[in-house]
Amino acid sequence: MNGHAGTHAETHAGDENGEEDDQTVTNMNEQLVARGLAKVMNHRQEDEKASNYFKLQELEKEAEEKKVGRFNPHLDIIKINNISGSENSLRARSFENVLNKYNNLNASVDYIYGANKFKLHIPSQNLLINFILLGISVQKINLKEIGSMNTSAVQVKKLSAGGGEYDGEDAHNLVNGDGKPNRKEKLELKEIAIQAYKYTRKMLMQRNVQITILTCDKGGNFIGILRHQNKDFGVHLLSLGYGMLNEIGLSNTNERNNYVKAVEEAKKEKRNIWAIEKIDANEDDADNVLLNGQKNLSQFDNIYYCSYVEDINNISIQLKSKQEQLKKLQDELNKPANLESSSQYVLSEIKKNTLVIAKYIDKCYYRAVILQINKAKKKALVKYIDFGNEDELNFEDIRKLSDGLSLKSYPPFSIRVSLAGVKIPAENKSDLIIYVKKFLLDKFLYVKFEKKERNGAYYHVVFYDYEQFTTNKNVKSVNEDIVSSGICYVDNRSDTKIFEKLKKEEVVAKKAKLVIWAYGDIDYDDES
């Protein structure tokens, strides 16, 4: 029995006119415990408890001494088959095919490990199982830390007080946007995970729920949908901003759109985890400089020129409106006077992650960052930061970048993006990329930004033929064209806004047995 339950049953005795003569108040949880019909839950010292919690413990002890109810040694004991815990993983997995036949199983919440993980009792099957919510990831917490957890505004403010200056040696991070979560974010996420746990405990502990089991993982945890009062609790937690969308398994259900909408709602309202201010280790990374550090990416939807394609996750684009400015920079870089004053580096001066100017095959110089150095061969791998491509050069083709042409004067012109919602098979990838280039490279395209990759390295975007898009907003995207041509397949874990459109185009390509589907309906998701 839950010690939180303070249920009271009141019996009133009165005269015919309804006036109270006498009143008797019976506390039901005390009565049940006293008769040995309920068990008092154990609590840690810091947990919330019922006001009569210690009295309940005394009554339980008395019931044990009197050997009533569940303490009666002559009662037949119904043993529950406990298949929870990693030690029972093999036994648990043997029940998977039995349990996923049921659309709605009645269960009760026996224990809560975290906002998305529970121990459930299924009376009809006489089972005790571990259960994880489908579609949501919540940061793990140590329950032992909850009582002593005191991280809060003071600590977080201290961590956010210090700012960093741009270091030229961090040029590689600056260009690629390789941001890492900082300590302040981690503390805030941990606090929210604890809030989520407490909220879930309040809502579900010892409550009756309905579950639908979809699968069982290697650790013996059943994964599926849990409903409380006819509400999908996973969707509910996502809408409150208590977790991140976890795409694993969602493609096998019809509920995916509900999960995506819940996340979008939480983001829009900036609830909990979405209210945390994102602070990258490299706040001045090139993409943020170019996009002015704004959170609303849709305001950067515009016409761009595609300057480089290496992979579907490594595409470089430049704003069409910045082309004149880029030309001006290039003219300035290649003025004879500037090149003459830009003395060549000697071996000891060439360092990794340094911003330089580097010669290209057209004999012109471009701004670049040094990625790798091979001192034995006197060569360096560089990335041209305004165009996105890479090349290996001799040391003699690398020169110093003048201060007047640095990132502070001219932020990088190229942005690294990825085709939203699609994947490309590993087999014959280099050949397939040639086809992708035909759709994108050296073209002006209208680009819609959807989201930034978690590690901050690139943006997921949807491409459109810009001339068609300016006259018809419902025109088919280039992403869809690539899928319908059979060059790529749909990423079933993607939350792109054009997901349903991409799936329709994939069906067309499969039926026509185009390119990657030439040998049938292959499950490319197995490669992931």
Foldseek 3Di string as FASTA:
>chain_A
DEQQDFDKDWDFDDDPVPDGPDIDIDGVLLVCLLQQNDDYDDDDPQDDGHPCNVVSVVSNVNCCVVCGHPNPPPDDDDAAAEQEFLVNQVVLQVCFVVQLVDAKFKWAFAAFQFLFWTWIQGVVVSYTYIAGEAFWDADGDDPVCVSVDDCDDVNLCVVPVDDDDDDLLQLVCQLQVQFDFDPSLVSLSRVLRSVSRVVSCVVGHRDMWIWRFDHADSSSYTYTFIGDPNHGSLLVCLLQVRTDTDLVPVLVDPCNVSNLVSNVNCCVVCHRSNVDDGDTPCNNRLVCVVVVVDPPQQVVFAKWFWQDDDALQFTKIFHPVCPVVVVVLQVVCQDPVNVVVFDADDPVPDDASHWWWFADPVRGTAIWGWHAADSVQQKTWIARSQRGDIDIGHSRRITHDDPCSDCVNPRHRIATAHAAFWDAFPPPRVVLSVVVCVLHHRAIWGKGWDAAPPSRRHTHIWTARVVVCVVPVPDDTSSLVSLLQVSIAGDSSGSDPCNVSNVVSNVNCLVVCHDVNVPHDDDSVVVD
